[in-house]
């Protein structure tokens, strides 16, 4: 095994060998613990469960605090839990000014207002160990004990759904942080204005809670690694395969325009704002999402085979592989 690590998430092999296999302590009240494809812990609190998840924001230079709140809360919502609050660790570089820190907190507070949650506490530190602001948020949520959802619940025959469109967060970041370059590549200003507005649709809390209530068997928010990464992680957690028609995966016009200009694959682009859902065919996921104003698109099904298969627009099939890195990181690294 390669003994170095690359930018982005640790590989499944390194997660197993460096982390999961070294965790030996167990408590009976922990209902969901660390594992491939699982972003949250679930703790038994009697009639309810407490759901906790932690996420950093590293790829954006604008609205860091706002993104941190929503991305962390998306994780607990993907387990069917209603977010209650967040704790945040702010690691700030030397020389940062008061205005930036104040705006960071204002953005976090604004996001909390949208979700009806509170900032519960955290930690702030100015340190030479970072060369840019780093926000790490831990979201806390609650759910009835018999209604929480995991990534491992998918079963053969379940329909696979994607909400809104893939590449949401990456599209917004690229439009906001690289506007001049994109205009130079021919992307029109109105397209970039609409793409920048994707920031306002980053939350998946409402559709996740609606899908869980309707009877979703598994959910996973689509973040780093995009659709490919989320699908890989959900299948890894459940132990099954899939058959997905790539033409069915929703890509909004703004995402397509930006990805075409930068030669990026939108299905591999960080996608906070999109949710991966599985459910038996009789469960009305499309209708449940529509009730909260969100479109859900069926893109395939879970199979009993252990191979995840993707059907290309040409009709040819290929096996899903885990992306080496998110398309956003690849672009930022100049690859």
Protein backbone atom coordinates (compact mmCIF):
# COMPACT_ATOMS: atom_id res chain seq x y z
CA UNK A 1 0.00 0.00 0.00
CA UNK A 2 1.13 3.52 -0.84
CA UNK A 3 2.23 5.06 2.48
CA UNK A 4 1.48 8.64 1.42
CA UNK A 5 -1.88 10.39 1.38
CA UNK A 6 -3.36 12.54 -1.39
CA UNK A 7 -5.52 15.65 -1.10
CA UNK A 8 -9.15 14.92 -0.30
CA UNK A 9 -10.71 12.06 1.61
CA UNK A 10 -8.63 9.10 2.74
CA UNK A 11 -9.05 6.07 0.50
CA UNK A 12 -11.26 3.22 1.77
CA UNK A 13 -8.14 1.11 2.35
CA UNK A 14 -6.51 3.80 4.47
CA UNK A 15 -9.73 4.46 6.35
CA UNK A 16 -9.86 0.79 7.29
CA UNK A 17 -6.18 0.35 8.19
CA UNK A 18 -5.41 3.73 9.76
CA UNK A 19 -8.72 4.41 11.50
CA UNK A 20 -11.51 1.84 11.67
CA UNK A 21 -9.34 -1.17 12.54
CA UNK A 22 -7.77 0.81 15.41
CA UNK A 23 -11.09 1.62 17.10
CA UNK A 24 -11.66 -1.07 19.72
CA UNK A 25 -13.81 0.57 22.40
CA UNK A 26 -17.56 -0.15 22.26
CA UNK A 27 -20.60 1.08 24.14
CA UNK A 28 -24.04 -0.52 23.95
CA UNK A 29 -25.80 2.81 23.47
CA UNK A 30 -23.94 3.61 20.21
CA UNK A 31 -26.31 2.49 17.47
CA UNK A 32 -24.26 3.68 14.48
CA UNK A 33 -20.50 4.01 14.67
CA UNK A 34 -17.73 4.88 12.16
CA UNK A 35 -17.79 2.91 8.92
CA UNK A 36 -17.43 3.30 5.17
CA UNK A 37 -20.22 5.46 3.82
CA UNK A 38 -21.45 6.59 7.23
CA UNK A 39 -21.00 10.28 8.04
CA UNK A 40 -22.73 10.38 11.44
CA UNK A 41 -22.86 8.65 14.79
CA UNK A 42 -26.22 7.66 16.27
CA UNK A 43 -26.58 7.48 20.05
CA UNK A 44 -29.48 5.84 21.88
CA UNK A 45 -31.25 8.40 24.09
CA UNK A 46 -34.29 6.25 24.90
CA UNK A 47 -37.33 7.14 22.80
CA UNK A 48 -35.12 9.32 20.62
CA UNK A 49 -31.64 9.11 19.16
CA UNK A 50 -28.97 11.81 19.04
CA UNK A 51 -27.23 12.10 15.67
CA UNK A 52 -23.83 13.82 15.43
CA UNK A 53 -21.67 14.63 12.40
CA UNK A 54 -18.55 16.72 11.79
CA UNK A 55 -17.44 18.39 8.54
CA UNK A 56 -14.76 20.91 7.52
CA UNK A 57 -15.07 23.54 4.82
CA UNK A 58 -11.81 23.79 2.86
CA UNK A 59 -12.61 24.49 -0.81
CA UNK A 60 -14.42 27.84 -0.61
CA UNK A 61 -13.16 31.35 0.04
CA UNK A 62 -16.58 32.98 0.47
CA UNK A 63 -19.50 32.28 2.83
CA UNK A 64 -17.38 29.83 4.80
CA UNK A 65 -19.48 30.03 7.94
CA UNK A 66 -22.77 29.71 6.07
CA UNK A 67 -21.54 26.65 4.19
CA UNK A 68 -20.12 25.04 7.34
CA UNK A 69 -23.49 25.14 9.09
CA UNK A 70 -25.48 23.78 6.17
CA UNK A 71 -22.99 21.07 5.16
CA UNK A 72 -22.77 19.69 8.70
CA UNK A 73 -26.55 19.78 9.16
CA UNK A 74 -27.03 18.00 5.83
CA UNK A 75 -25.19 15.00 7.26
CA UNK A 76 -27.46 14.57 10.27
CA UNK A 77 -30.54 15.20 8.12
CA UNK A 78 -29.38 12.41 5.79
CA UNK A 79 -29.83 10.14 8.80
CA UNK A 80 -33.41 11.34 9.17
CA UNK A 81 -32.58 13.61 12.12
CA UNK A 82 -33.82 17.16 12.66
CA UNK A 83 -30.82 19.44 13.32
CA UNK A 84 -30.78 21.13 16.74
CA UNK A 85 -27.51 23.05 16.75
CA UNK A 86 -23.84 23.11 15.85
CA UNK A 87 -20.50 23.50 17.53
CA UNK A 88 -17.72 25.06 15.48
CA UNK A 89 -13.92 25.07 15.65
CA UNK A 90 -12.45 28.12 13.91
CA UNK A 91 -8.75 27.86 13.06
CA UNK A 92 -7.60 31.22 11.76
CA UNK A 93 -4.29 32.32 10.21
CA UNK A 94 -2.13 34.97 11.79
CA UNK A 95 -2.93 38.46 10.54
CA UNK A 96 -6.61 37.85 9.85
CA UNK A 97 -8.70 40.95 10.49
CA UNK A 98 -11.68 41.48 12.77
CA UNK A 99 -14.03 42.23 9.88
CA UNK A 100 -13.47 38.77 8.35
CA UNK A 101 -14.07 37.00 11.67
CA UNK A 102 -17.19 39.04 12.35
CA UNK A 103 -18.59 38.27 8.90
CA UNK A 104 -17.79 34.59 9.40
CA UNK A 105 -19.89 34.50 12.56
CA UNK A 106 -22.68 36.57 10.98
CA UNK A 107 -22.85 34.05 8.13
CA UNK A 108 -23.00 31.14 10.57
CA UNK A 109 -25.74 32.84 12.56
CA UNK A 110 -27.70 33.54 9.36
CA UNK A 111 -27.54 29.88 8.34
CA UNK A 112 -28.66 28.84 11.82
CA UNK A 113 -31.64 31.17 11.47
CA UNK A 114 -32.63 29.51 8.20
CA UNK A 115 -32.57 26.08 9.87
CA UNK A 116 -34.04 27.09 13.22
CA UNK A 117 -30.98 25.95 15.16
CA UNK A 118 -28.38 27.48 17.49
CA UNK A 119 -24.63 27.75 17.71
CA UNK A 120 -23.96 25.67 20.82
CA UNK A 121 -20.33 26.61 21.32
CA UNK A 122 -16.94 25.58 19.96
CA UNK A 123 -13.39 26.87 19.85
CA UNK A 124 -11.50 29.74 18.20
CA UNK A 125 -7.76 29.85 17.65
CA UNK A 126 -5.32 31.93 15.63
CA UNK A 127 -2.46 29.67 14.61
CA UNK A 128 0.52 29.55 12.27
CA UNK A 129 -0.46 25.98 11.40
CA UNK A 130 -3.02 27.16 8.83
CA UNK A 131 -2.50 29.50 5.88
CA UNK A 132 -6.20 30.22 5.46
CA UNK A 133 -9.33 30.12 7.64
CA UNK A 134 -10.56 26.63 8.44
CA UNK A 135 -14.05 26.02 9.81
CA UNK A 136 -14.94 22.63 11.27
CA UNK A 137 -18.58 22.26 12.31
CA UNK A 138 -20.20 19.52 14.36
CA UNK A 139 -23.97 19.25 13.93
CA UNK A 140 -26.27 17.71 16.52
CA UNK A 141 -29.70 16.35 15.58
CA UNK A 142 -32.53 14.29 17.00
CA UNK A 143 -34.89 11.67 15.59
CA UNK A 144 -37.41 9.10 16.89
CA UNK A 145 -35.51 5.93 17.71
CA UNK A 146 -37.39 3.86 15.12
CA UNK A 147 -37.11 6.38 12.26
CA UNK A 148 -33.43 7.15 11.79
CA UNK A 149 -31.88 6.18 8.45
CA UNK A 150 -28.36 5.01 7.60
CA UNK A 151 -26.35 4.60 4.39
CA UNK A 152 -26.40 0.83 4.92
CA UNK A 153 -30.16 0.35 4.60
CA UNK A 154 -30.42 0.01 0.82
CA UNK A 155 -31.78 -3.32 -0.45
CA UNK A 156 -31.90 -4.98 -3.88
CA UNK A 157 -34.81 -3.66 -5.91
CA UNK A 158 -34.74 -0.25 -4.26
CA UNK A 159 -34.96 2.73 -6.60
CA UNK A 160 -32.06 5.23 -6.46
CA UNK A 161 -32.97 8.92 -6.50
CA UNK A 162 -30.99 12.17 -6.76
CA UNK A 163 -32.47 15.49 -5.66
CA UNK A 164 -32.09 18.88 -7.41
CA UNK A 165 -28.98 18.26 -9.52
CA UNK A 166 -25.39 17.14 -9.05
CA UNK A 167 -22.41 19.46 -8.67
CA UNK A 168 -24.36 22.10 -6.72
CA UNK A 169 -21.70 23.23 -4.26
CA UNK A 170 -18.84 22.97 -6.74
CA UNK A 171 -20.78 24.99 -9.30
CA UNK A 172 -21.43 27.76 -6.77
CA UNK A 173 -17.81 27.84 -5.59
CA UNK A 174 -16.42 27.95 -9.12
CA UNK A 175 -18.85 30.68 -10.17
CA UNK A 176 -18.03 32.80 -7.11
CA UNK A 177 -14.27 32.30 -6.88
CA UNK A 178 -13.28 31.95 -10.56
CA UNK A 179 -15.75 34.22 -12.32
CA UNK A 180 -13.21 36.16 -14.37
CA UNK A 181 -11.58 33.00 -15.71
CA UNK A 182 -14.96 31.52 -16.63
CA UNK A 183 -16.04 34.67 -18.45
CA UNK A 184 -12.78 34.46 -20.37
CA UNK A 185 -13.67 30.91 -21.37
CA UNK A 186 -17.01 32.04 -22.75
CA UNK A 187 -19.41 31.38 -19.88
CA UNK A 188 -22.02 34.13 -19.92
CA UNK A 189 -22.50 36.46 -16.94
CA UNK A 190 -26.19 35.53 -16.39
CA UNK A 191 -25.19 31.85 -16.18
CA UNK A 192 -22.61 32.70 -13.51
CA UNK A 193 -25.14 34.82 -11.62
CA UNK A 194 -27.56 31.90 -11.47
CA UNK A 195 -24.77 29.49 -10.54
CA UNK A 196 -23.64 31.76 -7.71
CA UNK A 197 -27.22 31.57 -6.45
CA UNK A 198 -26.83 27.81 -5.94
CA UNK A 199 -25.35 28.69 -2.55
CA UNK A 200 -28.91 29.41 -1.44
CA UNK A 201 -29.99 25.85 -2.24
CA UNK A 202 -27.20 23.99 -0.41
CA UNK A 203 -29.43 22.60 2.34
CA UNK A 204 -30.97 19.13 1.96
CA UNK A 205 -32.62 19.14 5.38
CA UNK A 206 -36.22 19.47 4.20
CA UNK A 207 -36.08 16.79 1.49
CA UNK A 208 -34.10 14.45 3.75
CA UNK A 209 -36.67 14.69 6.55
CA UNK A 210 -39.51 14.26 4.05
CA UNK A 211 -37.86 11.20 2.48
CA UNK A 212 -37.14 9.63 5.87
CA UNK A 213 -40.76 10.13 6.93
CA UNK A 214 -41.97 8.61 3.65
CA UNK A 215 -39.90 5.46 4.22
CA UNK A 216 -36.51 5.89 2.54
CA UNK A 217 -34.29 2.86 3.11
CA UNK A 218 -30.97 4.76 2.86
CA UNK A 219 -29.72 8.30 2.29
CA UNK A 220 -26.36 9.93 1.72
CA UNK A 221 -25.69 13.58 0.99
CA UNK A 222 -23.61 14.08 -2.13
CA UNK A 223 -20.47 15.93 -1.09
CA UNK A 224 -16.78 15.41 -1.89
CA UNK A 225 -16.33 13.09 -4.85
CA UNK A 226 -19.72 14.11 -6.19
CA UNK A 227 -22.33 11.62 -7.36
CA UNK A 228 -19.70 8.95 -8.01
CA UNK A 229 -18.27 9.25 -4.51
CA UNK A 230 -21.64 9.27 -2.72
CA UNK A 231 -22.90 6.28 -4.70
CA UNK A 232 -19.68 4.37 -4.00
CA UNK A 233 -19.95 5.09 -0.28
CA UNK A 234 -23.63 4.14 -0.06
CA UNK A 235 -23.02 0.88 -1.90
CA UNK A 236 -19.99 0.18 0.28
CA UNK A 237 -22.11 0.63 3.40
CA UNK A 238 -24.98 -1.52 2.12
CA UNK A 239 -22.89 -4.24 0.48
CA UNK A 240 -24.92 -4.31 -2.74
CA UNK A 241 -24.41 -3.24 -6.34
CA UNK A 242 -26.39 -0.97 -8.63
CA UNK A 243 -27.41 -0.21 -12.16
CA UNK A 244 -27.49 3.52 -12.91
CA UNK A 245 -28.29 5.24 -16.19
CA UNK A 246 -25.95 8.23 -16.34
CA UNK A 247 -28.27 10.14 -18.68
CA UNK A 248 -30.83 10.12 -15.87
CA UNK A 249 -28.56 11.87 -13.36
CA UNK A 250 -29.70 15.51 -13.26
CA UNK A 251 -27.12 18.12 -14.31
CA UNK A 252 -28.45 21.68 -14.34
CA UNK A 253 -27.54 23.90 -17.32
CA UNK A 254 -25.35 26.20 -15.21
CA UNK A 255 -23.31 23.25 -13.93
CA UNK A 256 -22.94 21.86 -17.44
CA UNK A 257 -21.77 25.22 -18.83
CA UNK A 258 -19.12 25.69 -16.13
CA UNK A 259 -17.92 22.08 -16.22
CA UNK A 260 -17.74 22.08 -20.02
CA UNK A 261 -15.65 25.28 -19.94
CA UNK A 262 -13.24 23.86 -17.36
CA UNK A 263 -13.29 20.29 -18.75
CA UNK A 264 -14.65 18.85 -15.50
CA UNK A 265 -17.00 15.90 -15.00
CA UNK A 266 -20.09 17.25 -13.16
CA UNK A 267 -20.81 13.81 -11.72
CA UNK A 268 -17.48 13.95 -9.87
CA UNK A 269 -17.89 17.50 -8.54
CA UNK A 270 -18.59 18.28 -4.87
CA UNK A 271 -22.37 18.40 -4.59
CA UNK A 272 -23.65 19.61 -1.21
CA UNK A 273 -27.27 20.51 -1.93
CA UNK A 274 -27.96 17.17 -3.64
CA UNK A 275 -29.17 14.09 -1.80
CA UNK A 276 -28.87 10.42 -2.74
CA UNK A 277 -31.92 8.42 -1.63
CA UNK A 278 -32.90 4.77 -1.97
CA UNK A 279 -36.36 3.37 -1.33
CA UNK A 280 -38.58 0.45 -2.35
CA UNK A 281 -40.51 1.20 -5.58
CA UNK A 282 -43.80 1.63 -3.73
CA UNK A 283 -42.46 4.46 -1.55
CA UNK A 284 -43.46 7.85 -3.10
CA UNK A 285 -40.12 9.63 -2.85
CA UNK A 286 -40.76 11.94 -5.82
CA UNK A 287 -44.04 13.09 -4.26
CA UNK A 288 -42.53 13.44 -0.77
CA UNK A 289 -39.74 15.66 -2.10
CA UNK A 290 -42.21 17.71 -4.16
CA UNK A 291 -44.17 18.51 -1.02
CA UNK A 292 -41.16 20.52 0.22
CA UNK A 293 -40.52 22.08 -3.19
CA UNK A 294 -37.69 19.79 -4.31
CA UNK A 295 -37.39 17.64 -7.44
CA UNK A 296 -36.23 14.04 -7.00
CA UNK A 297 -35.06 12.10 -10.06
CA UNK A 298 -34.98 8.27 -10.31
CA UNK A 299 -31.59 7.34 -11.76
CA UNK A 300 -31.30 3.58 -11.24
CA UNK A 301 -31.79 0.70 -8.85
CA UNK A 302 -29.96 -1.33 -6.24
CA UNK A 303 -29.01 -4.82 -7.44
CA UNK A 304 -28.05 -8.03 -5.68
CA UNK A 305 -24.85 -8.13 -7.72
CA UNK A 306 -21.73 -6.88 -5.94
CA UNK A 307 -20.68 -4.77 -8.94
CA UNK A 308 -21.93 -1.19 -9.33
CA UNK A 309 -22.63 -0.69 -13.02
CA UNK A 310 -23.04 2.61 -14.85
CA UNK A 311 -24.79 2.75 -18.22
CA UNK A 312 -23.21 5.37 -20.50
CA UNK A 313 -25.25 7.50 -22.94
CA UNK A 314 -23.92 5.24 -25.71
CA UNK A 315 -25.57 2.25 -24.04
CA UNK A 316 -22.28 0.70 -22.99
CA UNK A 317 -21.81 -0.30 -19.35
CA UNK A 318 -18.82 0.30 -17.12
CA UNK A 319 -18.11 -0.46 -13.51
CA UNK A 320 -18.20 2.41 -11.03
CA UNK A 321 -14.82 3.24 -9.54
CA UNK A 322 -14.04 5.54 -6.63
CA UNK A 323 -12.73 8.90 -7.93
CA UNK A 324 -9.10 9.57 -6.98
CA UNK A 325 -10.06 13.15 -6.08
CA UNK A 326 -12.95 15.53 -6.41
CA UNK A 327 -13.13 17.47 -9.66
CA UNK A 328 -12.93 20.73 -7.69
CA UNK A 329 -9.62 19.71 -6.07
CA UNK A 330 -8.31 18.61 -9.47
CA UNK A 331 -9.15 22.01 -10.92
CA UNK A 332 -7.65 23.91 -7.97
CA UNK A 333 -4.45 21.87 -8.28
CA UNK A 334 -4.22 22.84 -11.96
CA UNK A 335 -4.44 19.27 -13.24
